[in-house]
C-alpha atoms as a PDB file:
ATOM      1  CA  MET A   1     -16.847  -1.471  -4.361  1.00  0.00           C
ATOM      2  CA  PHE A   2     -14.424  -3.235  -6.640  1.00  0.00           C
ATOM      3  CA  GLY A   3     -13.937  -0.619  -8.304  1.00  0.00           C
ATOM      4  CA  ILE A   4     -12.503   1.282  -6.328  1.00  0.00           C
ATOM      5  CA  TYR A   5     -10.696  -1.728  -5.095  1.00  0.00           C
ATOM      6  CA  LEU A   6      -8.956  -1.905  -8.527  1.00  0.00           C
ATOM      7  CA  LEU A   7      -8.277   1.633  -9.167  1.00  0.00           C
ATOM      8  CA  THR A   8      -6.807   1.284  -6.019  1.00  0.00           C
ATOM      9  CA  ASN A   9      -4.511  -1.379  -6.692  1.00  0.00           C
ATOM     10  CA  ILE A  10      -3.946  -0.307  -9.599  1.00  0.00           C
ATOM     11  CA  ILE A  11      -2.353   3.080  -9.266  1.00  0.00           C
ATOM     12  CA  LEU A  12      -0.250   1.522  -6.103  1.00  0.00           C
ATOM     13  CA  GLN A  13       1.129  -1.102  -8.891  1.00  0.00           C
ATOM     14  CA  PHE A  14       1.974   1.680 -10.639  1.00  0.00           C
ATOM     15  CA  THR A  15       3.398   4.075  -8.198  1.00  0.00           C
ATOM     16  CA  VAL A  16       5.412   0.709  -6.262  1.00  0.00           C
ATOM     17  CA  GLY A  17       7.179   0.061  -9.998  1.00  0.00           C
ATOM     18  CA  VAL A  18       7.945   3.470 -10.507  1.00  0.00           C
ATOM     19  CA  VAL A  19       9.660   3.244  -6.642  1.00  0.00           C
ATOM     20  CA  ALA A  20      11.186   0.160  -7.222  1.00  0.00           C
ATOM     21  CA  GLN A  21      12.888   1.344 -10.659  1.00  0.00           C
ATOM     22  CA  VAL A  22      14.190   4.597  -8.776  1.00  0.00           C
ATOM     23  CA  LEU A  23      15.435   2.070  -5.392  1.00  0.00           C
ATOM     24  CA  LEU A  24      17.222  -0.401  -8.149  1.00  0.00           C
ATOM     25  CA  ALA A  25      18.841   2.387 -10.072  1.00  0.00           C
ATOM     26  CA  LEU A  26      20.160   3.967  -7.366  1.00  0.00           C
ATOM     27  CA  VAL A  27      21.306   1.265  -5.522  1.00  0.00           C
ATOM     28  CA  GLY A  28      23.092  -0.193  -8.369  1.00  0.00           C
ATOM     29  CA  SER A  29      24.750   3.425  -9.251  1.00  0.00           C
ATOM     30  CA  VAL A  30      26.785   3.314  -5.955  1.00  0.00           C
ATOM     31  CA  VAL A  31      27.186   0.398  -5.816  1.00  0.00           C
ATOM     32  CA  GLY A  32      28.908  -0.238  -9.330  1.00  0.00           C
ATOM     33  CA  ASN A  33      30.959  -2.746 -10.427  1.00  0.00           C
ATOM     34  CA  GLU A  34      32.762  -3.778  -6.853  1.00  0.00           C
ATOM     35  CA  ILE A  35      30.081  -6.714  -6.741  1.00  0.00           C
ATOM     36  CA  ASP A  36      28.753  -8.575  -8.810  1.00  0.00           C
ATOM     37  CA  THR A  37      26.458  -6.931 -10.408  1.00  0.00           C
ATOM     38  CA  SER A  38      23.928  -9.993 -11.231  1.00  0.00           C
ATOM     39  CA  VAL A  39      23.953 -10.931  -7.237  1.00  0.00           C
ATOM     40  CA  MET A  40      23.601  -7.535  -6.468  1.00  0.00           C
ATOM     41  CA  ALA A  41      20.586  -7.122  -9.237  1.00  0.00           C
ATOM     42  CA  LEU A  42      19.182 -10.014  -7.113  1.00  0.00           C
ATOM     43  CA  ALA A  43      19.530  -8.526  -3.705  1.00  0.00           C
ATOM     44  CA  GLY A  44      18.896  -5.234  -4.696  1.00  0.00           C
ATOM     45  CA  TRP A  45      15.427  -6.248  -6.433  1.00  0.00           C
ATOM     46  CA  MET A  46      14.529  -8.567  -3.207  1.00  0.00           C
ATOM     47  CA  VAL A  47      15.376  -5.419  -1.078  1.00  0.00           C
ATOM     48  CA  VAL A  48      13.027  -3.471  -2.835  1.00  0.00           C
ATOM     49  CA  GLN A  49       9.793  -5.443  -2.847  1.00  0.00           C
ATOM     50  CA  ILE A  50      10.101  -6.293   0.354  1.00  0.00           C
ATOM     51  CA  LEU A  51      10.152  -2.216   0.940  1.00  0.00           C
ATOM     52  CA  THR A  52       7.632  -1.141  -1.672  1.00  0.00           C
ATOM     53  CA  ASN A  53       5.303  -4.479  -0.564  1.00  0.00           C
ATOM     54  CA  THR A  54       5.329  -3.478   3.104  1.00  0.00           C
ATOM     55  CA  VAL A  55       3.797   0.002   2.047  1.00  0.00           C
ATOM     56  CA  VAL A  56       1.507  -1.834  -0.536  1.00  0.00           C
ATOM     57  CA  VAL A  57      -0.062  -3.972   2.682  1.00  0.00           C
ATOM     58  CA  ALA A  58      -0.269  -1.285   4.974  1.00  0.00           C
ATOM     59  CA  ILE A  59      -2.060   0.931   2.523  1.00  0.00           C
ATOM     60  CA  MET A  60      -4.320  -1.959   0.734  1.00  0.00           C
ATOM     61  CA  SER A  61      -5.309  -2.706   4.383  1.00  0.00           C
ATOM     62  CA  ALA A  62      -6.477   1.284   5.041  1.00  0.00           C
ATOM     63  CA  VAL A  63      -8.852   1.162   1.917  1.00  0.00           C
ATOM     64  CA  LEU A  64     -10.537  -2.210   2.200  1.00  0.00           C
ATOM     65  CA  THR A  65     -11.203  -1.102   6.225  1.00  0.00           C
ATOM     66  CA  LEU A  66     -13.107   2.297   5.294  1.00  0.00           C
ATOM     67  CA  MET A  67     -14.745   0.527   2.457  1.00  0.00           C
ATOM     68  CA  TYR A  68     -15.967  -1.948   5.389  1.00  0.00           C
ATOM     69  CA  VAL A  69     -16.512   0.690   7.234  1.00  0.00           C
ATOM     70  CA  ASP A  70     -17.981   3.339   4.700  1.00  0.00           C
ATOM     71  CA  LEU A  71     -21.142  -0.273   3.680  1.00  0.00           C
ATOM     72  CA  ARG A  72     -21.631  -0.326   7.103  1.00  0.00           C
ATOM     73  CA  MET A  73     -22.410   2.898   7.497  1.00  0.00           C
ATOM     74  CA  ARG A  74     -24.649   2.672   4.535  1.00  0.00           C
ATOM     75  CA  LYS A  75     -26.629  -0.372   5.263  1.00  0.00           C
ATOM     76  CA  GLU A  76     -26.843  -0.478   8.702  1.00  0.00           C
ATOM     77  CA  GLY A  77     -27.124   3.135  10.068  1.00  0.00           C
ATOM     78  CA  LEU A  78     -23.556   2.621  12.394  1.00  0.00           C
ATOM     79  CA  ASP A  79     -23.500   5.989  11.746  1.00  0.00           C
ATOM     80  CA  ILE A  80     -26.709   7.050  13.367  1.00  0.00           C
ATOM     81  CA  GLU A  81     -25.450   4.245  16.416  1.00  0.00           C
ATOM     82  CA  LEU A  82     -22.222   6.277  16.015  1.00  0.00           C
ATOM     83  CA  LEU A  83     -23.840   9.651  17.045  1.00  0.00           C
ATOM     84  CA  ALA A  84     -26.129   7.926  19.508  1.00  0.00           C
ATOM     85  CA  ALA A  85     -23.585   6.143  21.730  1.00  0.00           C
ATOM     86  CA  ALA A  86     -20.939   9.633  21.771  1.00  0.00           C
ATOM     87  CA  GLU A  87     -24.230  11.308  22.840  1.00  0.00           C
ATOM     88  CA  LYS A  88     -25.150   8.693  25.340  1.00  0.00           C
ATOM     89  CA  ALA A  89     -21.529   9.340  26.879  1.00  0.00           C
ATOM     90  CA  SER A  90     -21.137  13.119  27.118  1.00  0.00           C
END
């Protein structure tokens, strides 16, 4: 389970780094020298970090949820209980 979590985290962090650099390059090329570059770079970096972290948290929570359900199915037989409940309901 730790390996799945670690691999997912590495892949997401790499992807976020690439996406953040591309977005910042696009914002920098559009804005140009109209505003002080250090202030604009900081503001752009903050916005990109908020957006990318929002996506990362959503994906990591989905991965953790799937890992939890998988563990319950393997250890407690949750899949058999769900099948029995589905057959009883229909």
